[in-house]
Protein backbone atom coordinates (compact mmCIF):
# COMPACT_ATOMS: atom_id res chain seq x y z
CA MET A 1 0.00 0.00 0.00
CA PRO A 2 1.66 3.27 -1.11
CA LEU A 3 1.63 6.47 0.92
CA ASN A 4 -0.83 8.08 -1.50
CA SER A 5 -3.54 5.68 -0.23
CA ILE A 6 -4.21 8.45 2.34
CA LEU A 7 -4.67 11.68 0.39
CA MET A 8 -5.81 14.01 3.21
CA SER A 9 -4.45 14.89 6.60
CA TYR A 10 -5.08 12.57 9.52
CA LYS A 11 -7.94 14.56 11.05
CA GLU A 12 -9.68 15.21 7.74
CA ASN A 13 -9.37 11.59 6.67
CA CYS A 14 -10.89 10.46 9.99
CA LYS A 15 -13.91 12.67 9.28
CA VAL A 16 -14.33 11.33 5.73
CA GLU A 17 -13.45 7.61 5.95
CA GLY A 18 -13.84 7.14 9.66
CA GLU A 19 -11.37 6.64 12.46
CA LEU A 20 -11.16 2.83 12.12
CA ILE A 21 -10.35 2.76 8.36
CA THR A 22 -7.79 5.58 8.67
CA ARG A 23 -5.92 3.84 11.47
CA PHE A 24 -6.05 0.51 9.64
CA LYS A 25 -4.36 2.11 6.59
CA ILE A 26 -1.65 3.62 8.83
CA ALA A 27 -0.98 0.23 10.44
CA ARG A 28 -0.80 -1.46 7.03
CA LEU A 29 1.68 1.18 5.80
CA TYR A 30 3.90 0.29 8.73
CA PHE A 31 3.60 -3.52 8.69
CA LEU A 32 3.22 -4.15 4.95
CA ASN A 33 5.09 -1.30 3.25
CA GLN A 34 7.75 -0.96 5.96
CA LYS A 35 7.28 2.81 6.28
CA THR A 36 8.73 4.53 9.36
CA GLN A 37 6.69 6.44 11.89
CA LYS A 38 8.21 9.78 10.86
CA GLU A 39 7.53 9.16 7.16
CA ILE A 40 3.88 8.33 7.80
CA ALA A 41 3.47 11.26 10.22
CA ALA A 42 5.00 13.74 7.75
CA HIS A 43 2.75 12.49 4.93
CA ILE A 44 -0.58 12.73 6.81
CA ASP A 45 0.38 15.82 8.85
CA CYS A 46 0.20 14.45 12.40
CA HIS A 47 2.61 13.83 15.30
CA TYR A 48 4.72 10.67 15.12
CA ASN A 49 3.53 9.69 18.63
CA THR A 50 0.07 9.29 17.14
CA ILE A 51 1.49 6.74 14.71
CA GLY A 52 3.45 5.10 17.57
CA ASN A 53 0.27 4.64 19.65
CA ILE A 54 -1.50 2.94 16.73
CA ILE A 55 1.42 0.55 16.25
CA LYS A 56 1.57 -0.26 19.97
CA ARG A 57 -2.12 -1.21 19.94
CA CYS A 58 -1.48 -3.55 17.03
CA TYR A 59 1.36 -5.27 18.91
CA PHE A 60 -0.62 -5.60 22.15
CA TYR A 61 -4.17 -6.36 21.00
CA ALA A 62 -4.07 -7.67 17.42
CA SER A 63 -4.91 -11.32 16.91
CA ASN A 64 -3.19 -13.60 14.38
CA GLU A 65 -6.02 -13.05 11.92
CA SER A 66 -5.79 -9.28 12.36
CA LEU A 67 -2.04 -9.35 11.74
CA TYR A 68 -2.63 -11.41 8.62
CA TYR A 69 -4.80 -8.67 7.11
CA LEU A 70 -2.30 -5.99 8.20
CA LYS A 71 0.65 -7.71 6.49
CA THR A 72 -1.13 -8.53 3.22
CA ASN A 73 -3.04 -6.60 0.57
CA GLU A 74 -6.09 -8.82 0.88
CA LYS A 75 -9.37 -6.95 1.02
CA ILE A 76 -11.15 -7.09 4.38
CA PRO A 77 -14.83 -8.20 4.36
CA LYS A 78 -17.26 -5.99 6.28
CA GLU A 79 -18.02 -8.72 8.78
CA LYS A 80 -14.30 -8.84 9.66
CA LEU A 81 -14.01 -5.18 10.60
CA ASP A 82 -14.84 -6.04 14.23
CA LEU A 83 -11.38 -7.62 14.45
CA PHE A 84 -9.91 -4.11 14.50
CA ASN A 85 -12.10 -2.53 17.15
CA PHE A 86 -9.01 -2.18 19.31
CA LEU A 87 -7.96 0.67 16.98
CA ARG A 88 -10.95 2.76 17.99
CA SER A 89 -10.45 5.54 20.56
CA ASN A 90 -11.86 5.00 24.01
CA SER A 91 -14.90 7.04 25.01
CA ARG A 92 -14.07 10.31 26.70
CA ARG A 93 -17.38 10.42 28.48
CA PRO A 94 -16.84 10.71 32.25
CA LYS A 95 -17.82 7.65 34.26
CA SER A 96 -19.61 9.78 36.86
CA ASN A 97 -20.64 13.40 37.26
CA GLN A 98 -21.99 14.95 40.42
CA ARG A 99 -23.76 17.60 38.38
CA CYS A 100 -26.03 15.17 36.52
CA LEU A 101 -28.69 12.67 37.57
CA ALA A 102 -27.99 8.96 37.22
CA GLY A 103 -29.40 5.61 38.28
CA GLU A 104 -32.69 5.74 40.19
CA GLN A 105 -32.86 9.52 40.02
CA GLU A 106 -32.68 9.53 36.22
CA SER A 107 -35.18 6.65 36.06
CA LEU A 108 -37.61 8.76 38.11
CA ILE A 109 -37.41 11.59 35.57
CA LEU A 110 -37.92 9.17 32.68
CA ASP A 111 -40.96 7.57 34.35
CA LYS A 112 -42.49 10.94 35.19
CA HIS A 113 -42.04 12.12 31.62
CA HIS A 114 -43.63 8.93 30.27
CA GLN A 115 -46.63 9.26 32.60
CA LEU A 116 -47.24 13.03 32.53
CA ASN A 117 -45.73 14.17 29.20
CA TYR A 118 -44.32 17.30 30.90
CA GLY A 119 -41.49 19.51 29.71
CA PRO A 120 -38.45 20.08 31.97
CA LYS A 121 -39.76 23.30 33.57
CA ARG A 122 -43.20 21.91 34.31
CA LEU A 123 -41.73 18.66 35.61
CA PHE A 124 -39.45 20.66 37.91
CA LYS A 125 -42.47 22.49 39.35
CA HIS A 126 -44.33 19.17 39.70
CA LEU A 127 -41.45 17.62 41.68
CA LYS A 128 -41.28 20.72 43.85
CA ARG A 129 -44.97 20.40 44.72
CA GLN A 130 -44.39 16.70 45.51
CA ASN A 131 -41.76 17.74 48.12
CA TYR A 132 -38.75 16.37 46.24
CA ASP A 133 -35.38 18.00 46.93
CA THR A 134 -35.37 20.47 44.02
CA GLU A 135 -32.62 22.63 45.49
CA ASN A 136 -29.82 20.05 45.64
CA ILE A 137 -30.81 16.93 43.68
CA TYR A 138 -33.61 17.54 41.17
CA THR A 139 -32.54 20.97 39.98
CA LEU A 140 -33.83 22.43 36.73
CA ALA A 141 -30.39 22.16 35.08
CA LYS A 142 -30.08 18.44 35.94
CA ILE A 143 -33.59 17.72 34.66
CA LYS A 144 -32.76 19.52 31.41
CA GLY A 145 -29.63 17.35 31.17
CA VAL A 146 -31.72 14.17 31.40
CA TYR A 147 -34.01 15.46 28.66
CA LYS A 148 -31.04 16.29 26.44
CA ARG A 149 -29.21 12.98 26.93
CA ASN A 150 -32.31 10.87 26.33
CA LYS A 151 -33.71 13.16 23.62
CA LEU A 152 -37.05 13.54 25.42
CA LYS A 153 -39.71 15.75 23.86
CA THR A 154 -43.28 16.54 24.85
CA LYS A 155 -46.07 15.64 22.49
CA LYS A 156 -47.91 18.79 21.41
CA ILE A 157 -51.06 19.23 19.37
CA ARG A 158 -50.60 22.03 16.86
CA THR A 159 -52.52 23.45 13.95
CA SER A 160 -51.59 22.42 10.41
CA ASN A 161 -49.65 25.64 9.78
CA GLY A 162 -48.09 25.64 13.26
CA GLU A 163 -49.52 28.97 14.47
CA ARG A 164 -51.17 29.59 17.85
CA ARG A 165 -54.62 31.11 18.15
CA PRO A 166 -55.10 32.79 21.51
CA LEU A 167 -58.68 33.31 22.64
CA TYR A 168 -58.05 36.92 23.72
CA ASN A 169 -55.62 39.75 23.11
CA TYR A 170 -53.93 39.27 26.47
CA ASP A 171 -51.84 42.44 26.13
CA GLN A 172 -54.90 44.69 25.92
CA ILE A 173 -57.53 43.11 28.17
CA GLY A 174 -57.61 43.92 31.88
CA ALA A 175 -57.97 41.78 34.98
CA PHE A 176 -61.50 40.33 35.39
CA GLU A 177 -62.63 41.95 32.14
CA TYR A 178 -63.32 38.53 30.58
CA LEU A 179 -64.44 35.51 32.59
CA GLN A 180 -65.21 31.94 31.56
CA TYR A 181 -67.91 30.03 33.43
CA ASP A 182 -68.50 26.25 33.36
CA THR A 183 -69.56 23.27 35.45
CA LYS A 184 -68.02 19.83 35.92
CA GLU A 185 -69.34 16.52 37.21
CA ILE A 186 -66.89 15.33 39.85
CA ALA A 187 -67.47 11.58 39.39
CA ASP A 188 -65.80 10.99 36.02
CA ARG A 189 -64.62 7.47 35.11
CA HIS A 190 -62.17 8.82 32.55
CA SER A 191 -60.29 10.91 35.13
CA LEU A 192 -60.56 9.36 38.61
CA PRO A 193 -59.38 6.04 40.07
CA GLU A 194 -62.12 3.51 40.74
CA GLU A 195 -62.17 3.97 44.54
CA ILE A 196 -62.42 7.75 44.39
CA TYR A 197 -64.99 7.55 41.61
CA GLN A 198 -67.20 5.24 43.69
CA LYS A 199 -66.84 7.56 46.69
CA PHE A 200 -67.99 10.72 44.89
CA LYS A 201 -70.65 8.83 42.94
CA PHE A 202 -72.48 7.12 45.81
CA ASN A 203 -71.58 9.06 48.97
CA GLN A 204 -74.67 11.23 49.49
CA GLU A 205 -72.84 13.55 51.84
CA LEU A 206 -70.36 14.73 49.20
CA PRO A 207 -71.31 17.22 46.44
CA LYS A 208 -71.68 16.00 42.86
CA TYR A 209 -70.90 19.06 40.74
CA GLN A 210 -68.23 21.74 40.65
CA TRP A 211 -68.89 25.31 39.47
CA THR A 212 -65.87 27.20 38.11
CA ILE A 213 -65.31 30.81 37.04
CA THR A 214 -61.86 31.67 35.64
CA ASP A 215 -60.38 35.04 34.74
CA ALA A 216 -58.78 35.05 31.28
CA LYS A 217 -56.07 37.61 32.10
CA THR A 218 -54.75 36.41 35.47
CA LYS A 219 -56.18 32.82 35.62
CA THR A 220 -57.71 33.59 39.04
CA ARG A 221 -60.31 30.93 39.85
CA PHE A 222 -63.53 31.01 41.89
CA LEU A 223 -65.01 27.63 42.82
CA ALA A 224 -68.22 26.36 44.40
CA TRP A 225 -69.94 22.98 44.62
CA SER A 226 -73.51 21.66 44.61
CA TYR A 227 -75.57 18.48 44.72
CA GLU A 228 -77.63 19.34 41.63
CA LEU A 229 -77.49 21.52 38.51
CA ASN A 230 -80.05 24.22 37.76
CA SER A 231 -80.13 27.72 36.31
CA PHE A 232 -81.04 29.25 39.68
CA PHE A 233 -77.65 28.21 41.09
CA GLY A 234 -76.01 29.21 37.81
CA PHE A 235 -77.20 32.79 38.12
CA LYS A 236 -76.71 33.11 41.88
CA PHE A 237 -73.10 31.90 41.87
CA LEU A 238 -72.22 34.26 39.01
CA GLU A 239 -73.92 37.11 40.87
CA PHE A 240 -72.02 36.20 44.04
CA VAL A 241 -68.64 36.29 42.24
CA ILE A 242 -69.44 39.64 40.61
CA ILE A 243 -70.45 41.12 43.97
CA TRP A 244 -67.25 39.69 45.47
CA LEU A 245 -65.18 41.51 42.85
CA ARG A 246 -67.13 44.76 43.21
CA ALA A 247 -66.69 44.60 46.98
CA HIS A 248 -62.92 44.45 46.41
CA ASN A 249 -62.92 47.57 44.22
CA ILE A 250 -62.86 45.90 40.78
CA ARG A 251 -64.62 48.45 38.56
CA VAL A 252 -64.13 47.19 34.97
CA LYS A 253 -67.04 45.86 32.94
CA ILE A 254 -67.21 42.11 33.50
CA ASN A 255 -67.97 39.97 30.43
CA THR A 256 -68.76 36.33 31.20
CA GLN A 257 -68.73 33.53 28.63
CA VAL A 258 -70.80 30.35 29.13
CA ASP A 259 -71.76 27.35 27.04
CA GLY A 260 -75.27 26.25 26.14
CA GLY A 261 -75.84 24.13 29.23
CA SER A 262 -79.20 23.92 31.01
CA GLU A 263 -77.54 25.20 34.19
CA PHE A 264 -77.10 28.54 32.39
CA CYS A 265 -79.42 29.89 29.70
CA SER A 266 -79.78 26.80 27.46
CA GLY A 267 -78.99 28.98 24.47
CA SER A 268 -82.25 30.93 24.91
CA GLU A 269 -82.11 34.56 23.77
CA ARG A 270 -85.00 35.42 26.10
CA LYS A 271 -83.18 34.06 29.11
CA PHE A 272 -79.93 35.77 28.13
CA LYS A 273 -81.88 39.04 27.92
CA ASP A 274 -83.40 38.39 31.36
CA TRP A 275 -80.00 37.61 32.93
CA ASN A 276 -78.34 40.63 31.32
CA GLU A 277 -81.08 42.92 32.61
CA LYS A 278 -80.41 41.67 36.14
CA LEU A 279 -76.63 41.86 35.73
CA SER A 280 -76.66 45.33 34.19
CA LYS A 281 -76.85 46.91 37.66
CA TYR A 282 -73.40 45.39 38.33
CA ASN A 283 -72.03 46.63 34.94
CA SER A 284 -71.74 43.02 33.78
CA TYR A 285 -72.68 41.14 30.61
CA ILE A 286 -73.07 37.42 29.82
CA TYR A 287 -72.87 35.80 26.38
CA ASP A 288 -72.80 32.33 24.79
CA THR A 289 -70.12 30.45 22.82
CA GLN A 290 -72.77 29.64 20.17
CA GLY A 291 -71.78 25.96 20.17
CA ILE A 292 -68.05 26.56 19.45
CA LYS A 293 -66.35 24.28 21.97
CA TRP A 294 -62.78 25.53 21.58
CA LYS A 295 -63.80 28.95 22.91
CA GLN A 296 -64.07 27.34 26.35
CA ASN A 297 -60.59 25.76 26.18
CA LEU A 298 -59.25 27.96 28.96
CA ILE A 299 -61.66 26.69 31.58
CA GLU A 300 -61.88 23.15 30.18
CA ARG A 301 -58.14 22.77 30.79
CA THR A 302 -58.64 23.67 34.46
CA HIS A 303 -60.97 20.67 34.88
CA ARG A 304 -58.05 18.36 34.10
CA THR A 305 -55.93 20.19 36.69
CA ASP A 306 -58.69 19.69 39.26
CA ASP A 307 -58.72 15.94 38.59
CA GLU A 308 -54.94 15.46 38.55
CA GLU A 309 -53.97 17.71 41.46
CA PHE A 310 -57.04 17.78 43.73
CA TYR A 311 -59.52 14.90 43.41
CA CYS A 312 -56.97 12.15 42.67
CA PRO A 313 -54.34 12.94 45.36
CA ARG A 314 -56.71 14.34 48.03
CA GLY A 315 -59.82 12.25 47.39
CA GLU A 316 -58.70 9.49 49.76
CA PHE A 317 -58.63 11.98 52.66
CA ILE A 318 -62.22 13.18 52.03
CA GLN A 319 -64.81 11.16 53.94
CA THR A 320 -67.39 13.70 55.12
CA LYS A 321 -68.82 17.01 54.03
CA ASN A 322 -66.63 18.88 56.51
CA ASP A 323 -63.53 17.17 55.11
CA PHE A 324 -64.54 18.26 51.63
CA LEU A 325 -65.04 21.89 52.65
CA VAL A 326 -61.65 22.00 54.36
CA GLU A 327 -59.85 20.43 51.38
CA GLY A 328 -61.80 22.61 48.95
CA GLN A 329 -60.80 25.80 50.76
CA TYR A 330 -57.14 24.79 50.71
CA TRP A 331 -57.45 23.98 47.00
CA ILE A 332 -58.92 27.40 46.12
CA ILE A 333 -56.16 29.23 48.00
CA TYR A 334 -53.44 26.99 46.57
CA GLN A 335 -54.68 27.38 42.98
CA ASN A 336 -54.63 31.16 43.18
CA HIS A 337 -51.09 31.12 44.63
CA ARG A 338 -49.43 28.48 42.41
CA SER A 339 -47.27 29.39 39.42
CA ASN A 340 -48.92 29.29 36.01
CA ASP A 341 -47.33 29.04 32.55
CA GLY A 342 -50.33 30.44 30.68
CA ILE A 343 -50.05 33.15 28.04
CA GLY A 344 -48.89 36.39 29.62
CA LEU A 345 -48.14 34.90 33.05
CA ARG A 346 -44.64 33.46 32.40
CA GLY A 347 -44.52 31.44 35.60
CA LEU A 348 -46.28 33.99 37.83
CA SER A 349 -49.14 32.97 40.09
CA PRO A 350 -52.57 34.66 39.69
CA LYS A 351 -51.89 36.64 42.88
CA GLU A 352 -48.50 37.82 41.62
CA LYS A 353 -50.02 38.78 38.26
CA LEU A 354 -52.71 40.84 40.00
CA GLU A 355 -50.01 42.61 42.00
CA GLN A 356 -48.08 43.26 38.79
CA LEU A 357 -51.20 44.90 37.33
CA GLY A 358 -51.40 47.28 40.30
CA ILE A 359 -54.28 45.69 42.26
CA TYR A 360 -53.47 46.18 45.93
CA ASN A 361 -55.92 43.84 47.72
CA THR A 362 -54.92 40.70 45.85
CA GLU A 363 -54.72 38.49 48.94
CA GLN A 364 -58.36 39.16 49.82
CA ILE A 365 -59.52 38.55 46.24
CA CYS A 366 -57.65 35.25 45.88
CA ASN A 367 -58.82 33.85 49.24
CA PHE A 368 -62.30 33.16 47.88
CA PRO A 369 -64.60 31.33 50.35
CA CYS A 370 -65.46 27.68 49.81
CA PHE A 371 -69.15 26.82 50.08
CA ILE A 372 -71.86 24.51 48.76
CA LEU A 373 -74.60 26.29 46.84
CA GLU A 374 -77.47 24.44 48.52
CA ASP A 375 -76.28 25.60 51.94
CA PHE A 376 -76.03 29.20 50.84
CA PHE A 377 -78.94 29.68 48.42
CA GLN A 378 -81.42 26.93 49.40
CA PRO A 379 -83.72 29.26 51.42
CA PHE A 380 -84.00 31.62 48.42
CA GLN A 381 -84.61 28.69 46.07
CA LEU A 382 -87.43 27.31 48.27
CA PHE A 383 -89.18 30.67 48.40
CA PHE A 384 -88.76 31.99 44.83
CA ASN A 385 -88.39 28.88 42.68
CA VAL A 386 -91.62 27.26 43.90
CA LEU A 387 -92.45 24.89 41.08
CA LYS A 388 -90.61 24.13 37.85
CA SER A 389 -92.67 24.19 34.65
CA GLN A 390 -91.97 22.13 31.56
CA ASN A 391 -89.97 25.06 30.18
CA VAL A 392 -86.63 25.43 31.97
CA LEU A 393 -86.82 29.18 31.38
CA THR A 394 -90.01 29.78 33.43
CA PRO A 395 -89.76 28.86 37.12
CA TYR A 396 -93.28 30.13 37.95
CA LEU A 397 -96.71 28.65 38.69
CA LYS A 398 -99.61 28.92 36.28
CA ASP A 399 -102.20 28.20 38.98
CA LEU A 400 -102.21 31.34 41.18
CA SER A 401 -104.31 29.71 43.92
CA MET A 402 -101.83 26.85 44.20
CA GLN A 403 -98.98 29.35 44.12
CA TRP A 404 -100.49 31.30 47.02
CA THR A 405 -101.06 28.08 49.03
CA ILE A 406 -97.44 26.98 48.66
CA GLN A 407 -96.08 30.46 49.36
CA LYS A 408 -98.30 30.71 52.43
CA LYS A 409 -96.80 27.47 53.78
CA GLN A 410 -93.30 28.71 53.07
CA LEU A 411 -94.01 32.06 54.72
CA THR A 412 -95.34 30.24 57.78
CA HIS A 413 -92.18 28.13 57.93
CA ILE A 414 -89.96 31.21 57.57
CA LEU A 415 -91.93 33.08 60.26
CA LYS A 416 -91.45 30.16 62.65
CA ILE A 417 -87.71 30.30 62.04
CA LEU A 418 -87.75 34.07 62.65
CA ILE A 419 -89.73 33.64 65.89
CA LEU A 420 -87.31 31.00 67.17
CA THR A 421 -84.42 33.22 66.19
CA ARG A 422 -86.00 36.16 68.03
CA LYS A 423 -86.46 34.06 71.16
CA ASN A 424 -82.86 32.93 71.03
CA LEU A 425 -81.77 36.54 70.62
CA GLU A 426 -83.92 37.59 73.59
CA VAL A 427 -82.38 34.85 75.74
CA LEU A 428 -78.94 35.83 74.54
CA SER A 429 -79.56 39.54 75.22
CA TRP A 430 -81.01 38.68 78.66
CA ASN A 431 -77.88 36.69 79.50
CA ILE A 432 -75.66 39.49 78.22
CA GLY A 433 -77.73 42.03 80.19
CA ASN A 434 -77.41 40.01 83.38
CA ASP A 435 -73.71 39.65 82.82
CA LEU A 436 -73.29 43.39 82.31
CA GLN A 437 -75.47 44.13 85.34
CA MET A 438 -73.36 41.86 87.55
CA ARG A 439 -70.18 43.47 86.22
CA TYR A 440 -71.64 46.94 86.96
CA ILE A 441 -72.58 45.94 90.53
CA SER A 442 -69.14 44.46 91.22
CA LEU A 443 -67.47 47.57 89.75
CA THR A 444 -69.69 49.86 91.91
CA ASN A 445 -68.89 47.88 95.06
CA THR A 446 -65.18 48.06 94.30
CA ARG A 447 -65.35 51.82 93.81
CA SER A 448 -67.32 52.36 97.05
CA GLU A 449 -64.80 50.31 99.00
CA ASN A 450 -61.95 52.36 97.57
CA LEU A 451 -63.74 55.62 98.49
CA THR A 452 -64.29 54.36 102.05
CA LYS A 453 -60.61 53.50 102.43
CA ASN A 454 -59.55 56.90 101.09
CA ASN A 455 -61.93 58.76 103.45
CA GLY A 456 -60.60 56.76 106.40
CA LYS A 457 -57.08 57.75 105.49
């Protein structure tokens, strides 16, 4: 084999023909053509020690068959190339690195990614909420390293041309200017484990439905629960949230988007007109999605968060109604204080976003009370929504005599409650009066004794 069998320099030839073939040609020049190390090094523009290291490997590791091919011009079959693997360079990859995850820690990241399909930033926040050591072990840089080494990518659903279509112009709208309103059935087989599903499905003490109102700008959420769905609760909860915002000095016009569910207006223009007339005194307006489901994507995505981060992990600790109210209150506060990667938030929590927008009483707004609608609005429902007609839009009675009879019974029941309440207040005031009278007598006696002592002195 002549020297011109290698036309380029050593490094360039390794890039073109590969490291193994280049080193094999160098070894054959030495063993077959009897070229010296310096001659070979000068021809391929490398150091002669590089040639010496290749020759040493041939002496130490080459088998008889390998030496046969090195000392002859016989062409090597492809299946015989493994005989010269000793000419390959050893991997320079470090055996261990304290700055990267390995073993069980890396397996945890891989399993979490397979189960949740999260990106590195979201997985880091997830591990932090699960009380993993994210300051020393599962840092964001180490998690990114695992993603890079294993070439992990999240599966995303995109449009055909790849562009994003935001529902609102988030740079121009203000806080609580646009709300989305929806309901959710808690017992969902597609989202909950079997035990938790059975609990919420058949435990009569636990509520069955969740009512959610979400702000488009800051992702602040207001939640309530109920045992049944009807338009009376739909209007009253919306009215309660609007009053809550007005009481905390939110003065913008509030536009609320709903779907065509029976718990709202059922797509009826007459009922929308009726609701908007009642809401106009709060400078608020409600409108429908007109059957376009993707317009509710913002609030529909929160239902999945409720299942994954509230009902699934905390459902086993909920046994009674009181347990549910306690867990629900914690969930409302936590949701409004957790970081969010929505459009315009960039990792800020709803509370932090409100503060960034210049709203000073953010803590009071975000700490929305947890309640069940039947407990709060049931007395109003019993008095005003006496009998449901066949039309869901008309909760009135056609028979006025029957209407008066039922209202008379309800008024009697309410008067009894008021009388009992008045008696309890009288007893309470009598006890308070006696207590104050005894305190006044003891104070008078003390003062008279002090005056007597002073006069004696």
